């Protein structure tokens, strides 16, 4: 029961930040649909230079990744029988995040952004894989250590994947679609 309540609170906080955080209600005065359907880059990178603006962008990008890690942990925890496989879990997550992005766009409280969907999905994947790796641990201490190390290791892997994507596929997309 506690996990259901925690999941509900987590999703409520997530919805708040997706629709009302970061000055989004002020964006609602813009009355046009804003969207990005073609991934131009995955905004995950390690800063090479340090300035306030770069650090803010980096924290925002990192937050976009890490904000969905709990989703990947909590959903399989509360529904052990329904979302055992990654395919079932990720299908639910993609449906959820697509709905959220569409609502952001049609309410003018945000942008439907495929880059955000990719990063959010990477975060949920980190959570799901960390949960699956850690669920076999037989003590709370081992479980928490395994969970923490999995999250850190998989996050670094996602940064690497994003870097490879940005160096190889992004230039091709820019040439093809004129981004």
Protein backbone atom coordinates (compact mmCIF):
# COMPACT_ATOMS: atom_id res chain seq x y z
CA UNK A 1 0.00 0.00 0.00
CA UNK A 2 2.86 2.36 0.85
CA UNK A 3 4.35 1.88 -2.63
CA UNK A 4 1.04 2.80 -4.31
CA UNK A 5 0.86 6.00 -2.27
CA UNK A 6 4.50 6.79 -2.99
CA UNK A 7 3.94 6.18 -6.73
CA UNK A 8 0.89 8.47 -6.64
CA UNK A 9 2.83 11.25 -4.90
CA UNK A 10 5.75 10.81 -7.30
CA UNK A 11 3.49 11.04 -10.38
CA UNK A 12 1.73 14.09 -8.88
CA UNK A 13 5.07 15.86 -8.40
CA UNK A 14 6.11 14.84 -11.91
CA UNK A 15 2.89 16.25 -13.39
CA UNK A 16 3.34 19.45 -11.40
CA UNK A 17 6.83 20.02 -12.79
CA UNK A 18 5.81 19.05 -16.33
CA UNK A 19 2.88 21.48 -16.38
CA UNK A 20 3.42 24.16 -13.78
CA UNK A 21 7.11 24.18 -12.83
CA UNK A 22 9.79 26.30 -14.45
CA UNK A 23 7.42 29.19 -15.27
CA UNK A 24 5.26 27.13 -17.63
CA UNK A 25 1.96 28.95 -16.91
CA UNK A 26 3.57 32.14 -18.25
CA UNK A 27 4.29 30.26 -21.49
CA UNK A 28 0.55 29.65 -21.93
CA UNK A 29 0.13 33.17 -23.31
CA UNK A 30 1.82 31.89 -26.46
CA UNK A 31 -1.13 30.54 -28.44
CA UNK A 32 0.53 28.29 -30.96
CA UNK A 33 1.38 24.65 -30.87
CA UNK A 34 5.07 24.11 -30.36
CA UNK A 35 6.60 20.79 -31.28
CA UNK A 36 9.74 19.00 -32.36
CA UNK A 37 9.12 15.65 -34.05
CA UNK A 38 12.62 14.97 -35.37
CA UNK A 39 15.38 14.21 -32.87
CA UNK A 40 18.16 16.69 -33.53
CA UNK A 41 20.35 15.64 -30.61
CA UNK A 42 20.12 13.98 -27.24
CA UNK A 43 20.74 16.76 -24.73
CA UNK A 44 22.93 14.71 -22.40
CA UNK A 45 26.52 15.81 -22.20
CA UNK A 46 29.19 16.56 -19.68
CA UNK A 47 30.06 20.26 -19.56
CA UNK A 48 33.42 21.20 -21.06
CA UNK A 49 33.24 24.80 -19.88
CA UNK A 50 31.72 26.06 -16.70
CA UNK A 51 29.45 29.07 -16.62
CA UNK A 52 26.16 29.63 -14.85
CA UNK A 53 24.18 29.19 -18.08
CA UNK A 54 25.96 25.97 -19.04
CA UNK A 55 25.54 24.54 -15.54
CA UNK A 56 21.81 25.42 -15.60
CA UNK A 57 21.37 23.68 -18.97
CA UNK A 58 23.33 20.66 -17.77
CA UNK A 59 21.29 20.37 -14.56
CA UNK A 60 18.06 20.68 -16.57
CA UNK A 61 19.18 17.91 -18.98
CA UNK A 62 20.34 15.69 -16.12
CA UNK A 63 17.04 16.33 -14.33
CA UNK A 64 15.14 15.27 -17.46
CA UNK A 65 16.98 11.95 -17.30
CA UNK A 66 16.92 11.30 -13.56
CA UNK A 67 13.33 12.48 -12.99
CA UNK A 68 12.03 9.32 -14.66
CA UNK A 69 14.32 6.81 -12.94
CA UNK A 70 11.81 6.38 -10.07
CA UNK A 71 9.08 5.57 -12.61
CA UNK A 72 11.19 2.67 -13.84
CA UNK A 73 11.63 1.42 -10.29
CA UNK A 74 8.20 2.02 -8.79
CA UNK A 75 5.93 0.74 -11.59
CA UNK A 76 7.41 -2.78 -11.64
CA UNK A 77 7.50 -2.79 -7.83
CA UNK A 78 3.78 -2.08 -7.46
CA UNK A 79 2.72 -4.33 -10.33
CA UNK A 80 5.06 -7.30 -10.15
CA UNK A 81 2.90 -9.47 -12.41
CA UNK A 82 1.94 -6.92 -15.07
CA UNK A 83 5.24 -5.35 -16.06
CA UNK A 84 7.78 -8.14 -15.69
CA UNK A 85 9.24 -7.65 -19.16
CA UNK A 86 10.95 -4.56 -20.47
CA UNK A 87 8.70 -4.51 -23.53
CA UNK A 88 5.51 -4.29 -21.46
CA UNK A 89 7.02 -1.70 -19.16
CA UNK A 90 8.43 0.51 -21.90
CA UNK A 91 5.15 0.31 -23.85
CA UNK A 92 3.33 1.70 -20.81
CA UNK A 93 5.97 4.35 -20.28
CA UNK A 94 6.01 5.54 -23.90
CA UNK A 95 2.20 5.75 -23.86
CA UNK A 96 2.37 7.73 -20.59
CA UNK A 97 5.05 10.16 -21.76
CA UNK A 98 3.42 10.65 -25.18
CA UNK A 99 0.16 11.59 -23.43
CA UNK A 100 2.02 14.02 -21.16
CA UNK A 101 3.85 15.65 -24.08
CA UNK A 102 0.64 15.98 -26.11
CA UNK A 103 -1.19 17.57 -23.16
CA UNK A 104 1.73 19.96 -22.66
CA UNK A 105 1.46 21.02 -26.30
CA UNK A 106 -2.33 21.38 -26.55
CA UNK A 107 -2.54 23.34 -23.28
CA UNK A 108 0.31 25.60 -24.45
CA UNK A 109 2.20 24.75 -21.25
CA UNK A 110 5.13 23.20 -23.04
CA UNK A 111 6.53 21.77 -26.21
CA UNK A 112 5.97 18.32 -27.65
CA UNK A 113 9.64 17.45 -27.89
CA UNK A 114 10.89 14.12 -29.19
CA UNK A 115 14.28 14.82 -27.59
CA UNK A 116 12.59 15.00 -24.18
CA UNK A 117 10.75 11.75 -24.88
CA UNK A 118 14.04 10.04 -25.73
CA UNK A 119 15.79 11.32 -22.58
CA UNK A 120 12.78 10.55 -20.36
CA UNK A 121 12.64 7.03 -21.80
CA UNK A 122 16.34 6.61 -21.11
CA UNK A 123 15.66 7.60 -17.49
CA UNK A 124 12.78 5.15 -17.12
CA UNK A 125 14.98 2.46 -18.68
CA UNK A 126 17.70 3.15 -16.11
CA UNK A 127 15.14 2.72 -13.34
CA UNK A 128 13.66 -0.47 -14.77
CA UNK A 129 17.05 -2.10 -15.39
CA UNK A 130 18.31 -1.05 -11.95
CA UNK A 131 15.22 -2.57 -10.37
CA UNK A 132 15.65 -5.82 -12.31
CA UNK A 133 19.34 -6.03 -11.39
CA UNK A 134 18.71 -5.25 -7.72
CA UNK A 135 15.58 -7.33 -7.08
CA UNK A 136 17.73 -10.45 -6.71
CA UNK A 137 19.63 -9.05 -3.72
CA UNK A 138 18.78 -10.78 -0.45
CA UNK A 139 19.51 -7.98 2.04
CA UNK A 140 18.37 -4.37 2.12
CA UNK A 141 21.96 -3.16 2.18
CA UNK A 142 22.91 -5.19 -0.92
CA UNK A 143 19.69 -4.07 -2.61
CA UNK A 144 20.38 -0.37 -1.99
CA UNK A 145 24.05 -0.61 -2.99
CA UNK A 146 23.12 -2.54 -6.13
CA UNK A 147 20.38 -0.03 -6.96
CA UNK A 148 22.69 2.96 -6.47
CA UNK A 149 25.57 1.50 -8.46
CA UNK A 150 23.20 0.40 -11.23
CA UNK A 151 21.69 3.87 -11.50
CA UNK A 152 25.11 5.55 -11.64
CA UNK A 153 26.56 3.02 -14.09
CA UNK A 154 23.54 3.03 -16.39
CA UNK A 155 23.38 6.84 -16.29
CA UNK A 156 26.99 6.99 -17.47
CA UNK A 157 26.12 4.47 -20.19
CA UNK A 158 23.24 6.70 -21.32
CA UNK A 159 25.62 9.68 -21.50
CA UNK A 160 27.91 7.57 -23.68
CA UNK A 161 25.02 6.50 -25.91
CA UNK A 162 23.93 10.14 -26.22
CA UNK A 163 27.47 11.20 -27.15
CA UNK A 164 27.72 8.54 -29.85
CA UNK A 165 24.27 9.51 -31.18
CA UNK A 166 25.18 13.20 -31.20
CA UNK A 167 28.50 12.59 -32.99
CA UNK A 168 27.23 10.12 -35.59
CA UNK A 169 23.50 10.40 -36.21
CA UNK A 170 22.88 14.09 -35.45
CA UNK A 171 25.04 15.35 -38.36
CA UNK A 172 23.20 12.97 -40.72
CA UNK A 173 19.81 14.23 -39.46
CA UNK A 174 20.96 17.83 -39.84
CA UNK A 175 21.97 17.21 -43.45
CA UNK A 176 18.81 15.24 -44.25
CA UNK A 177 16.24 17.48 -42.57
CA UNK A 178 18.10 20.80 -42.55
CA UNK A 179 17.98 21.10 -38.77
